[in-house]
Amino acid sequence: MDCMSVGRNFGILNRRTQLYITNCCRQWRISYSEYVLLEQLYVTEGITQDELAALLYIDKAMVARGLKSLEEKGYLYRLKGERDKRQKTIRLTVKARNIEAVFHDVVLQWLKRITVTMSETDLQRMLDDLRE
């Protein structure tokens, strides 16, 4: 196996994925990094900023910047924690809920585009392998 070629191809796939998602999210003024945060918040709404950073393996400062931007754009708000007033839980706004279905569709359309030649069995196997 040519490891350099595999690494290069993963890099290309990553950059093309970011470009595709960025272009699709332009209508909502959402960047790729904000997309990643918001997509996770649809699943784990109510977590703290630190928990979100740990879950996504992203630097806390980067998460803070992304959340601040999403908050300024009206997609989320933060509430003081019930147990620890220093910790704020992240909640989605109606604006975020209104785009949720079409927002999830962005990544599904990309996946369909890049796997158009794969059989359903191969696609499912690949997705299972990536989850591990």
N, C-alpha and C. Protein backbone atom coordinates (compact mmCIF):
# COMPACT_ATOMS: atom_id res chain seq x y z
N MET A 1 0.84 -1.18 0.00
CA MET A 1 0.00 0.00 0.00
C MET A 1 0.89 1.25 0.00
N ASP A 2 0.55 2.18 -0.84
CA ASP A 2 1.29 3.43 -0.93
C ASP A 2 0.71 4.41 0.09
N CYS A 3 1.31 4.46 1.27
CA CYS A 3 0.80 5.30 2.37
C CYS A 3 0.78 6.78 2.01
N MET A 4 1.77 7.24 1.28
CA MET A 4 1.80 8.65 0.89
C MET A 4 0.61 8.99 0.01
N SER A 5 0.26 8.10 -0.90
CA SER A 5 -0.87 8.32 -1.79
C SER A 5 -2.19 8.33 -1.01
N VAL A 6 -2.31 7.42 -0.06
CA VAL A 6 -3.52 7.37 0.76
C VAL A 6 -3.65 8.66 1.56
N GLY A 7 -2.58 9.10 2.18
CA GLY A 7 -2.60 10.34 2.96
C GLY A 7 -2.95 11.54 2.09
N ARG A 8 -2.37 11.60 0.91
CA ARG A 8 -2.66 12.69 -0.03
C ARG A 8 -4.13 12.68 -0.42
N ASN A 9 -4.67 11.51 -0.71
CA ASN A 9 -6.07 11.40 -1.11
C ASN A 9 -7.02 11.78 0.02
N PHE A 10 -6.69 11.41 1.25
CA PHE A 10 -7.51 11.83 2.39
C PHE A 10 -7.48 13.35 2.54
N GLY A 11 -6.32 13.94 2.33
CA GLY A 11 -6.19 15.39 2.40
C GLY A 11 -7.05 16.08 1.34
N ILE A 12 -7.00 15.55 0.12
CA ILE A 12 -7.81 16.11 -0.97
C ILE A 12 -9.30 15.98 -0.64
N LEU A 13 -9.70 14.81 -0.17
CA LEU A 13 -11.10 14.59 0.19
C LEU A 13 -11.55 15.55 1.29
N ASN A 14 -10.70 15.75 2.27
CA ASN A 14 -11.02 16.68 3.36
C ASN A 14 -11.20 18.11 2.84
N ARG A 15 -10.28 18.56 2.01
CA ARG A 15 -10.37 19.93 1.49
C ARG A 15 -11.59 20.11 0.58
N ARG A 16 -11.88 19.12 -0.23
CA ARG A 16 -13.05 19.21 -1.12
C ARG A 16 -14.35 19.15 -0.32
N THR A 17 -14.35 18.38 0.77
CA THR A 17 -15.52 18.32 1.64
C THR A 17 -15.76 19.69 2.27
N GLN A 18 -14.70 20.29 2.78
CA GLN A 18 -14.82 21.62 3.39
C GLN A 18 -15.34 22.65 2.38
N LEU A 19 -14.82 22.60 1.17
CA LEU A 19 -15.24 23.53 0.13
C LEU A 19 -16.72 23.34 -0.20
N TYR A 20 -17.15 22.11 -0.35
CA TYR A 20 -18.55 21.81 -0.68
C TYR A 20 -19.47 22.32 0.42
N ILE A 21 -19.15 21.99 1.67
CA ILE A 21 -19.99 22.40 2.79
C ILE A 21 -19.99 23.92 2.93
N THR A 22 -18.85 24.54 2.78
CA THR A 22 -18.77 26.01 2.85
C THR A 22 -19.66 26.66 1.80
N ASN A 23 -19.61 26.15 0.58
CA ASN A 23 -20.45 26.71 -0.49
C ASN A 23 -21.93 26.51 -0.20
N CYS A 24 -22.31 25.36 0.30
CA CYS A 24 -23.72 25.09 0.62
C CYS A 24 -24.22 25.95 1.77
N CYS A 25 -23.36 26.24 2.74
CA CYS A 25 -23.76 26.97 3.95
C CYS A 25 -23.65 28.49 3.79
N ARG A 26 -23.18 28.92 2.65
CA ARG A 26 -23.04 30.36 2.42
C ARG A 26 -24.39 31.08 2.58
N GLN A 27 -25.47 30.42 2.20
CA GLN A 27 -26.81 31.02 2.29
C GLN A 27 -27.20 31.36 3.73
N TRP A 28 -26.61 30.66 4.70
CA TRP A 28 -26.90 30.91 6.12
C TRP A 28 -25.77 31.70 6.79
N ARG A 29 -24.74 32.06 6.02
CA ARG A 29 -23.55 32.75 6.55
C ARG A 29 -22.84 31.90 7.60
N ILE A 30 -22.76 30.61 7.34
CA ILE A 30 -22.12 29.67 8.26
C ILE A 30 -20.86 29.12 7.61
N SER A 31 -19.74 29.19 8.33
CA SER A 31 -18.47 28.67 7.83
C SER A 31 -18.40 27.16 8.07
N TYR A 32 -17.37 26.54 7.53
CA TYR A 32 -17.21 25.10 7.73
C TYR A 32 -17.05 24.75 9.22
N SER A 33 -16.21 25.49 9.93
CA SER A 33 -16.00 25.18 11.35
C SER A 33 -17.28 25.40 12.16
N GLU A 34 -18.07 26.41 11.79
CA GLU A 34 -19.35 26.63 12.45
C GLU A 34 -20.32 25.50 12.11
N TYR A 35 -20.26 25.02 10.87
CA TYR A 35 -21.10 23.89 10.46
C TYR A 35 -20.84 22.68 11.36
N VAL A 36 -19.58 22.37 11.59
CA VAL A 36 -19.22 21.22 12.42
C VAL A 36 -19.80 21.37 13.82
N LEU A 37 -19.68 22.56 14.39
CA LEU A 37 -20.22 22.80 15.74
C LEU A 37 -21.74 22.67 15.76
N LEU A 38 -22.39 23.32 14.82
CA LEU A 38 -23.85 23.31 14.80
C LEU A 38 -24.40 21.92 14.53
N GLU A 39 -23.76 21.20 13.64
CA GLU A 39 -24.20 19.82 13.35
C GLU A 39 -24.13 18.96 14.61
N GLN A 40 -23.08 19.12 15.39
CA GLN A 40 -22.95 18.36 16.64
C GLN A 40 -23.99 18.82 17.67
N LEU A 41 -24.27 20.10 17.71
CA LEU A 41 -25.24 20.62 18.68
C LEU A 41 -26.66 20.15 18.39
N TYR A 42 -26.97 19.85 17.15
CA TYR A 42 -28.29 19.28 16.85
C TYR A 42 -28.46 17.94 17.57
N VAL A 43 -27.36 17.23 17.77
CA VAL A 43 -27.40 15.92 18.42
C VAL A 43 -27.23 16.03 19.93
N THR A 44 -26.41 16.96 20.39
CA THR A 44 -26.06 17.02 21.82
C THR A 44 -26.37 18.39 22.43
N GLU A 45 -27.47 18.97 22.04
CA GLU A 45 -27.85 20.28 22.59
C GLU A 45 -27.88 20.21 24.11
N GLY A 46 -27.43 21.28 24.75
CA GLY A 46 -27.43 21.35 26.20
C GLY A 46 -26.10 21.01 26.84
N ILE A 47 -25.09 20.70 26.01
CA ILE A 47 -23.77 20.42 26.57
C ILE A 47 -23.02 21.73 26.77
N THR A 48 -21.91 21.65 27.47
CA THR A 48 -21.10 22.85 27.70
C THR A 48 -20.06 23.01 26.58
N GLN A 49 -19.45 24.16 26.55
CA GLN A 49 -18.41 24.46 25.58
C GLN A 49 -17.24 23.48 25.72
N ASP A 50 -16.82 23.21 26.93
CA ASP A 50 -15.72 22.27 27.16
C ASP A 50 -16.07 20.87 26.70
N GLU A 51 -17.31 20.45 26.97
CA GLU A 51 -17.75 19.12 26.53
C GLU A 51 -17.77 19.03 25.01
N LEU A 52 -18.21 20.11 24.36
CA LEU A 52 -18.24 20.14 22.90
C LEU A 52 -16.83 20.04 22.33
N ALA A 53 -15.90 20.77 22.91
CA ALA A 53 -14.51 20.72 22.45
C ALA A 53 -13.94 19.30 22.59
N ALA A 54 -14.21 18.68 23.72
CA ALA A 54 -13.70 17.32 23.96
C ALA A 54 -14.35 16.32 23.00
N LEU A 55 -15.63 16.47 22.77
CA LEU A 55 -16.36 15.55 21.90
C LEU A 55 -15.85 15.60 20.46
N LEU A 56 -15.51 16.80 20.02
CA LEU A 56 -15.06 16.98 18.63
C LEU A 56 -13.55 16.97 18.47
N TYR A 57 -12.82 16.83 19.59
CA TYR A 57 -11.36 16.87 19.55
C TYR A 57 -10.87 18.18 18.92
N ILE A 58 -11.47 19.29 19.35
CA ILE A 58 -11.13 20.61 18.82
C ILE A 58 -10.64 21.48 19.97
N ASP A 59 -9.71 22.35 19.67
CA ASP A 59 -9.17 23.29 20.64
C ASP A 59 -10.30 24.13 21.25
N LYS A 60 -10.25 24.34 22.57
CA LYS A 60 -11.30 25.09 23.27
C LYS A 60 -11.44 26.51 22.74
N ALA A 61 -10.33 27.14 22.41
CA ALA A 61 -10.39 28.51 21.90
C ALA A 61 -11.11 28.57 20.55
N MET A 62 -10.86 27.57 19.73
CA MET A 62 -11.52 27.51 18.43
C MET A 62 -13.02 27.32 18.59
N VAL A 63 -13.41 26.47 19.53
CA VAL A 63 -14.82 26.26 19.82
C VAL A 63 -15.44 27.55 20.33
N ALA A 64 -14.75 28.25 21.21
CA ALA A 64 -15.26 29.51 21.76
C ALA A 64 -15.51 30.53 20.65
N ARG A 65 -14.58 30.65 19.73
CA ARG A 65 -14.75 31.59 18.62
C ARG A 65 -15.94 31.21 17.74
N GLY A 66 -16.05 29.92 17.43
CA GLY A 66 -17.16 29.46 16.60
C GLY A 66 -18.51 29.66 17.26
N LEU A 67 -18.58 29.36 18.56
CA LEU A 67 -19.84 29.55 19.29
C LEU A 67 -20.21 31.03 19.37
N LYS A 68 -19.22 31.86 19.59
CA LYS A 68 -19.49 33.30 19.67
C LYS A 68 -20.07 33.80 18.35
N SER A 69 -19.49 33.36 17.25
CA SER A 69 -19.97 33.76 15.93
C SER A 69 -21.39 33.25 15.69
N LEU A 70 -21.65 31.98 16.01
CA LEU A 70 -22.99 31.42 15.84
C LEU A 70 -24.01 32.13 16.72
N GLU A 71 -23.58 32.54 17.90
CA GLU A 71 -24.46 33.27 18.81
C GLU A 71 -24.78 34.65 18.22
N GLU A 72 -23.79 35.32 17.70
CA GLU A 72 -23.99 36.64 17.08
C GLU A 72 -24.91 36.56 15.86
N LYS A 73 -24.87 35.42 15.16
CA LYS A 73 -25.71 35.23 13.98
C LYS A 73 -27.12 34.74 14.34
N GLY A 74 -27.33 34.46 15.62
CA GLY A 74 -28.67 34.10 16.08
C GLY A 74 -29.00 32.62 16.03
N TYR A 75 -27.99 31.74 15.96
CA TYR A 75 -28.24 30.31 15.87
C TYR A 75 -28.23 29.60 17.23
N LEU A 76 -27.67 30.23 18.23
CA LEU A 76 -27.62 29.61 19.55
C LEU A 76 -27.54 30.66 20.64
N TYR A 77 -27.75 30.21 21.86
CA TYR A 77 -27.55 31.06 23.03
C TYR A 77 -27.01 30.17 24.15
N ARG A 78 -26.45 30.81 25.15
CA ARG A 78 -25.85 30.07 26.26
C ARG A 78 -26.56 30.41 27.56
N LEU A 79 -26.79 29.37 28.36
CA LEU A 79 -27.44 29.54 29.67
C LEU A 79 -26.47 29.14 30.76
N LYS A 80 -26.49 29.88 31.87
CA LYS A 80 -25.65 29.51 33.01
C LYS A 80 -26.08 28.14 33.51
N GLY A 81 -25.07 27.34 33.86
CA GLY A 81 -25.34 25.99 34.36
C GLY A 81 -26.06 26.02 35.69
N GLU A 82 -26.88 25.01 35.93
CA GLU A 82 -27.62 24.93 37.19
C GLU A 82 -26.71 24.58 38.35
N ARG A 83 -25.77 23.65 38.13
CA ARG A 83 -24.85 23.24 39.20
C ARG A 83 -23.67 24.19 39.34
N ASP A 84 -23.08 24.54 38.21
CA ASP A 84 -21.90 25.40 38.21
C ASP A 84 -22.21 26.63 37.36
N LYS A 85 -22.35 27.75 38.00
CA LYS A 85 -22.75 28.99 37.31
C LYS A 85 -21.69 29.47 36.32
N ARG A 86 -20.45 28.97 36.44
CA ARG A 86 -19.40 29.35 35.50
C ARG A 86 -19.54 28.61 34.18
N GLN A 87 -20.13 27.44 34.23
CA GLN A 87 -20.32 26.64 33.02
C GLN A 87 -21.63 27.04 32.36
N LYS A 88 -21.59 27.28 31.07
CA LYS A 88 -22.80 27.65 30.33
C LYS A 88 -23.17 26.51 29.39
N THR A 89 -24.44 26.15 29.40
CA THR A 89 -24.92 25.14 28.45
C THR A 89 -25.33 25.84 27.16
N ILE A 90 -25.20 25.13 26.06
CA ILE A 90 -25.46 25.70 24.75
C ILE A 90 -26.83 25.22 24.27
N ARG A 91 -27.64 26.16 23.86
CA ARG A 91 -29.00 25.88 23.38
C ARG A 91 -29.17 26.47 21.98
N LEU A 92 -29.95 25.79 21.17
CA LEU A 92 -30.22 26.25 19.81
C LEU A 92 -31.45 27.15 19.79
N THR A 93 -31.44 28.10 18.88
CA THR A 93 -32.56 29.02 18.73
C THR A 93 -33.56 28.47 17.71
N VAL A 94 -34.68 29.14 17.60
CA VAL A 94 -35.69 28.78 16.59
C VAL A 94 -35.08 28.90 15.20
N LYS A 95 -34.25 29.90 15.00
CA LYS A 95 -33.58 30.09 13.71
C LYS A 95 -32.78 28.84 13.33
N ALA A 96 -32.07 28.27 14.28
CA ALA A 96 -31.29 27.04 14.02
C ALA A 96 -32.22 25.86 13.77
N ARG A 97 -33.28 25.77 14.53
CA ARG A 97 -34.24 24.66 14.37
C ARG A 97 -34.94 24.72 13.01
N ASN A 98 -35.16 25.93 12.52
CA ASN A 98 -35.86 26.09 11.24
C ASN A 98 -35.05 25.58 10.05
N ILE A 99 -33.73 25.52 10.17
CA ILE A 99 -32.90 25.05 9.04
C ILE A 99 -32.38 23.63 9.27
N GLU A 100 -32.76 23.01 10.37
CA GLU A 100 -32.17 21.72 10.74
C GLU A 100 -32.27 20.66 9.64
N ALA A 101 -33.45 20.44 9.09
CA ALA A 101 -33.62 19.37 8.09
C ALA A 101 -32.75 19.60 6.86
N VAL A 102 -32.78 20.80 6.33
CA VAL A 102 -31.98 21.10 5.14
C VAL A 102 -30.50 21.16 5.48
N PHE A 103 -30.19 21.55 6.69
CA PHE A 103 -28.80 21.61 7.16
C PHE A 103 -28.18 20.21 7.17
N HIS A 104 -28.92 19.21 7.69
CA HIS A 104 -28.43 17.83 7.70
C HIS A 104 -28.26 17.31 6.27
N ASP A 105 -29.11 17.79 5.38
CA ASP A 105 -29.09 17.31 4.01
C ASP A 105 -27.80 17.68 3.28
N VAL A 106 -27.11 18.72 3.73
CA VAL A 106 -25.86 19.15 3.09
C VAL A 106 -24.86 18.01 3.04
N VAL A 107 -24.62 17.38 4.18
CA VAL A 107 -23.63 16.31 4.22
C VAL A 107 -24.14 15.05 3.51
N LEU A 108 -25.43 14.82 3.54
CA LEU A 108 -25.99 13.66 2.84
C LEU A 108 -25.82 13.80 1.33
N GLN A 109 -26.05 15.01 0.82
CA GLN A 109 -25.86 15.25 -0.62
C GLN A 109 -24.40 15.08 -1.02
N TRP A 110 -23.48 15.52 -0.17
CA TRP A 110 -22.05 15.35 -0.45
C TRP A 110 -21.70 13.86 -0.46
N LEU A 111 -22.20 13.15 0.52
CA LEU A 111 -21.93 11.71 0.59
C LEU A 111 -22.45 10.99 -0.65
N LYS A 112 -23.62 11.36 -1.11
CA LYS A 112 -24.18 10.76 -2.34
C LYS A 112 -23.29 11.07 -3.54
N ARG A 113 -22.78 12.29 -3.59
CA ARG A 113 -21.92 12.70 -4.70
C ARG A 113 -20.63 11.90 -4.77
N ILE A 114 -20.01 11.67 -3.63
CA ILE A 114 -18.70 11.02 -3.65
C ILE A 114 -18.79 9.49 -3.63
N THR A 115 -19.99 8.97 -3.41
CA THR A 115 -20.15 7.51 -3.37
C THR A 115 -21.09 7.00 -4.45
N VAL A 116 -21.32 7.79 -5.47
CA VAL A 116 -22.29 7.46 -6.51
C VAL A 116 -21.99 6.11 -7.18
N THR A 117 -20.74 5.73 -7.28
CA THR A 117 -20.38 4.48 -7.95
C THR A 117 -20.29 3.29 -7.00
N MET A 118 -20.51 3.51 -5.70
CA MET A 118 -20.40 2.42 -4.72
C MET A 118 -21.73 1.70 -4.57
N SER A 119 -21.65 0.40 -4.32
CA SER A 119 -22.87 -0.35 -4.02
C SER A 119 -23.32 0.01 -2.60
N GLU A 120 -24.58 -0.25 -2.31
CA GLU A 120 -25.12 0.04 -0.98
C GLU A 120 -24.37 -0.75 0.09
N THR A 121 -23.99 -1.98 -0.22
CA THR A 121 -23.25 -2.82 0.72
C THR A 121 -21.87 -2.24 1.01
N ASP A 122 -21.16 -1.85 -0.04
CA ASP A 122 -19.83 -1.25 0.14
C ASP A 122 -19.90 0.06 0.91
N LEU A 123 -20.91 0.86 0.60
CA LEU A 123 -21.09 2.13 1.30
C LEU A 123 -21.33 1.89 2.79
N GLN A 124 -22.20 0.94 3.11
CA GLN A 124 -22.50 0.65 4.51
C GLN A 124 -21.27 0.12 5.23
N ARG A 125 -20.49 -0.72 4.58
CA ARG A 125 -19.27 -1.26 5.15
C ARG A 125 -18.27 -0.12 5.45
N MET A 126 -18.12 0.79 4.48
CA MET A 126 -17.20 1.91 4.67
C MET A 126 -17.65 2.78 5.85
N LEU A 127 -18.93 3.09 5.93
CA LEU A 127 -19.45 3.92 7.02
C LEU A 127 -19.26 3.23 8.37
N ASP A 128 -19.49 1.93 8.41
CA ASP A 128 -19.28 1.16 9.63
C ASP A 128 -17.81 1.20 10.06
N ASP A 129 -16.92 1.03 9.08
CA ASP A 129 -15.48 1.06 9.36
C ASP A 129 -15.03 2.43 9.89
N LEU A 130 -15.60 3.49 9.33
CA LEU A 130 -15.22 4.84 9.76
C LEU A 130 -15.71 5.15 11.18
N ARG A 131 -16.79 4.52 11.59
CA ARG A 131 -17.32 4.74 12.94
C ARG A 131 -16.44 4.11 14.03
N GLU A 132 -15.68 3.11 13.66
CA GLU A 132 -14.86 2.39 14.65
C GLU A 132 -13.65 3.15 15.06
